[in-house]
């Protein structure tokens, strides 16, 4: 996910704000630590891939989820839909 963060041109605090994550949750999610919630990992990954595309770049496609973690990660996140970063227009 770090590579897509760099491609997007965003910084961690912008991503945390976009996703409504506490900074610690974002760090844990980026580290893909054992305590990272697979839903947060998927949401962060999808958000960063879309942000890279929105910035005109090709995101790095990858996953760090184990087979066991994939099922819970497919659960719908929220009725509001996935958040997107709003880039200023030039």
C-alpha atoms as a PDB file:
ATOM      1  CA  UNK A   1       0.000   0.000   0.000  1.00  0.00           C
ATOM      2  CA  UNK A   2       2.946   2.313   0.570  1.00  0.00           C
ATOM      3  CA  UNK A   3       3.666   2.269  -3.160  1.00  0.00           C
ATOM      4  CA  UNK A   4       0.109   3.350  -4.008  1.00  0.00           C
ATOM      5  CA  UNK A   5       0.315   6.060  -1.351  1.00  0.00           C
ATOM      6  CA  UNK A   6       3.402   7.431  -3.103  1.00  0.00           C
ATOM      7  CA  UNK A   7       1.739   7.155  -6.529  1.00  0.00           C
ATOM      8  CA  UNK A   8      -1.325   9.014  -5.299  1.00  0.00           C
ATOM      9  CA  UNK A   9       0.661  11.986  -4.034  1.00  0.00           C
ATOM     10  CA  UNK A  10      -1.280  11.888  -0.758  1.00  0.00           C
ATOM     11  CA  UNK A  11       0.200  11.785   2.725  1.00  0.00           C
ATOM     12  CA  UNK A  12      -0.896   9.449   5.503  1.00  0.00           C
ATOM     13  CA  UNK A  13      -2.900  12.074   7.364  1.00  0.00           C
ATOM     14  CA  UNK A  14      -4.995  12.780   4.228  1.00  0.00           C
ATOM     15  CA  UNK A  15      -5.706   9.076   3.785  1.00  0.00           C
ATOM     16  CA  UNK A  16      -6.625   8.696   7.474  1.00  0.00           C
ATOM     17  CA  UNK A  17      -9.007  11.662   7.146  1.00  0.00           C
ATOM     18  CA  UNK A  18     -10.544  10.300   3.922  1.00  0.00           C
ATOM     19  CA  UNK A  19     -11.163   6.924   5.543  1.00  0.00           C
ATOM     20  CA  UNK A  20     -12.168   8.370   8.922  1.00  0.00           C
ATOM     21  CA  UNK A  21      -9.375   6.329  10.555  1.00  0.00           C
ATOM     22  CA  UNK A  22      -7.366   7.198  13.633  1.00  0.00           C
ATOM     23  CA  UNK A  23      -3.653   7.513  12.756  1.00  0.00           C
ATOM     24  CA  UNK A  24      -2.847   4.353  14.741  1.00  0.00           C
ATOM     25  CA  UNK A  25      -5.446   2.344  12.806  1.00  0.00           C
ATOM     26  CA  UNK A  26      -3.909   3.480   9.533  1.00  0.00           C
ATOM     27  CA  UNK A  27      -0.383   2.557  10.724  1.00  0.00           C
ATOM     28  CA  UNK A  28      -1.547  -0.885  11.849  1.00  0.00           C
ATOM     29  CA  UNK A  29      -3.341  -1.379   8.564  1.00  0.00           C
ATOM     30  CA  UNK A  30      -0.299  -0.311   6.525  1.00  0.00           C
ATOM     31  CA  UNK A  31       1.913  -2.646   8.515  1.00  0.00           C
ATOM     32  CA  UNK A  32      -0.567  -5.463   7.809  1.00  0.00           C
ATOM     33  CA  UNK A  33       0.133  -6.602  11.337  1.00  0.00           C
ATOM     34  CA  UNK A  34      -1.677  -9.592  12.771  1.00  0.00           C
ATOM     35  CA  UNK A  35      -4.011  -7.251  14.639  1.00  0.00           C
ATOM     36  CA  UNK A  36      -5.020  -5.400  11.443  1.00  0.00           C
ATOM     37  CA  UNK A  37      -8.688  -5.872  10.623  1.00  0.00           C
ATOM     38  CA  UNK A  38      -8.978  -7.374   7.118  1.00  0.00           C
ATOM     39  CA  UNK A  39     -11.879  -5.042   6.330  1.00  0.00           C
ATOM     40  CA  UNK A  40      -9.694  -1.998   7.078  1.00  0.00           C
ATOM     41  CA  UNK A  41      -6.875  -3.480   5.000  1.00  0.00           C
ATOM     42  CA  UNK A  42      -9.209  -3.904   2.022  1.00  0.00           C
ATOM     43  CA  UNK A  43     -10.749  -0.475   2.428  1.00  0.00           C
ATOM     44  CA  UNK A  44      -7.324   1.178   2.636  1.00  0.00           C
ATOM     45  CA  UNK A  45      -5.978  -0.788  -0.318  1.00  0.00           C
ATOM     46  CA  UNK A  46      -8.996   0.009  -2.490  1.00  0.00           C
ATOM     47  CA  UNK A  47      -8.912   3.678  -1.491  1.00  0.00           C
ATOM     48  CA  UNK A  48      -5.214   4.012  -2.335  1.00  0.00           C
ATOM     49  CA  UNK A  49      -5.566   2.161  -5.632  1.00  0.00           C
ATOM     50  CA  UNK A  50      -8.395   4.510  -6.636  1.00  0.00           C
ATOM     51  CA  UNK A  51      -6.448   7.572  -5.455  1.00  0.00           C
ATOM     52  CA  UNK A  52      -3.491   6.500  -7.610  1.00  0.00           C
ATOM     53  CA  UNK A  53      -5.825   6.145 -10.608  1.00  0.00           C
ATOM     54  CA  UNK A  54      -7.438   9.517  -9.836  1.00  0.00           C
ATOM     55  CA  UNK A  55      -3.939  11.031  -9.826  1.00  0.00           C
ATOM     56  CA  UNK A  56      -3.355   9.624 -13.322  1.00  0.00           C
ATOM     57  CA  UNK A  57      -1.109   6.756 -12.223  1.00  0.00           C
ATOM     58  CA  UNK A  58      -1.317   2.971 -12.492  1.00  0.00           C
ATOM     59  CA  UNK A  59      -1.680   1.465  -9.016  1.00  0.00           C
ATOM     60  CA  UNK A  60       0.275  -1.518  -7.801  1.00  0.00           C
ATOM     61  CA  UNK A  61      -2.198  -4.400  -7.615  1.00  0.00           C
ATOM     62  CA  UNK A  62      -1.558  -6.637  -4.627  1.00  0.00           C
ATOM     63  CA  UNK A  63      -3.056  -8.271  -1.607  1.00  0.00           C
ATOM     64  CA  UNK A  64      -1.661  -9.210   1.789  1.00  0.00           C
ATOM     65  CA  UNK A  65      -4.773 -11.004   2.991  1.00  0.00           C
ATOM     66  CA  UNK A  66      -4.546 -14.675   3.818  1.00  0.00           C
ATOM     67  CA  UNK A  67      -7.201 -17.019   2.457  1.00  0.00           C
ATOM     68  CA  UNK A  68      -8.822 -17.068   5.918  1.00  0.00           C
ATOM     69  CA  UNK A  69      -8.953 -13.253   5.985  1.00  0.00           C
ATOM     70  CA  UNK A  70     -10.530 -12.854   2.560  1.00  0.00           C
ATOM     71  CA  UNK A  71     -14.109 -13.810   3.535  1.00  0.00           C
ATOM     72  CA  UNK A  72     -14.500 -11.212   6.331  1.00  0.00           C
ATOM     73  CA  UNK A  73     -12.934  -8.591   4.061  1.00  0.00           C
ATOM     74  CA  UNK A  74     -15.727  -9.064   1.511  1.00  0.00           C
ATOM     75  CA  UNK A  75     -18.353  -7.864   3.971  1.00  0.00           C
ATOM     76  CA  UNK A  76     -19.862  -4.565   2.788  1.00  0.00           C
ATOM     77  CA  UNK A  77     -18.187  -1.688   4.586  1.00  0.00           C
ATOM     78  CA  UNK A  78     -20.994   0.775   5.040  1.00  0.00           C
ATOM     79  CA  UNK A  79     -24.091   2.106   3.302  1.00  0.00           C
ATOM     80  CA  UNK A  80     -22.273   5.362   2.531  1.00  0.00           C
ATOM     81  CA  UNK A  81     -19.960   3.616   0.051  1.00  0.00           C
ATOM     82  CA  UNK A  82     -16.222   3.729  -0.226  1.00  0.00           C
ATOM     83  CA  UNK A  83     -14.647   7.138   0.446  1.00  0.00           C
ATOM     84  CA  UNK A  84     -12.595   8.922  -2.196  1.00  0.00           C
ATOM     85  CA  UNK A  85     -10.067  11.683  -1.883  1.00  0.00           C
ATOM     86  CA  UNK A  86     -11.153  14.867  -3.661  1.00  0.00           C
ATOM     87  CA  UNK A  87      -8.211  16.199  -5.644  1.00  0.00           C
ATOM     88  CA  UNK A  88      -8.258  19.906  -6.429  1.00  0.00           C
ATOM     89  CA  UNK A  89      -8.943  20.665 -10.070  1.00  0.00           C
ATOM     90  CA  UNK A  90      -6.339  22.567 -11.994  1.00  0.00           C
END
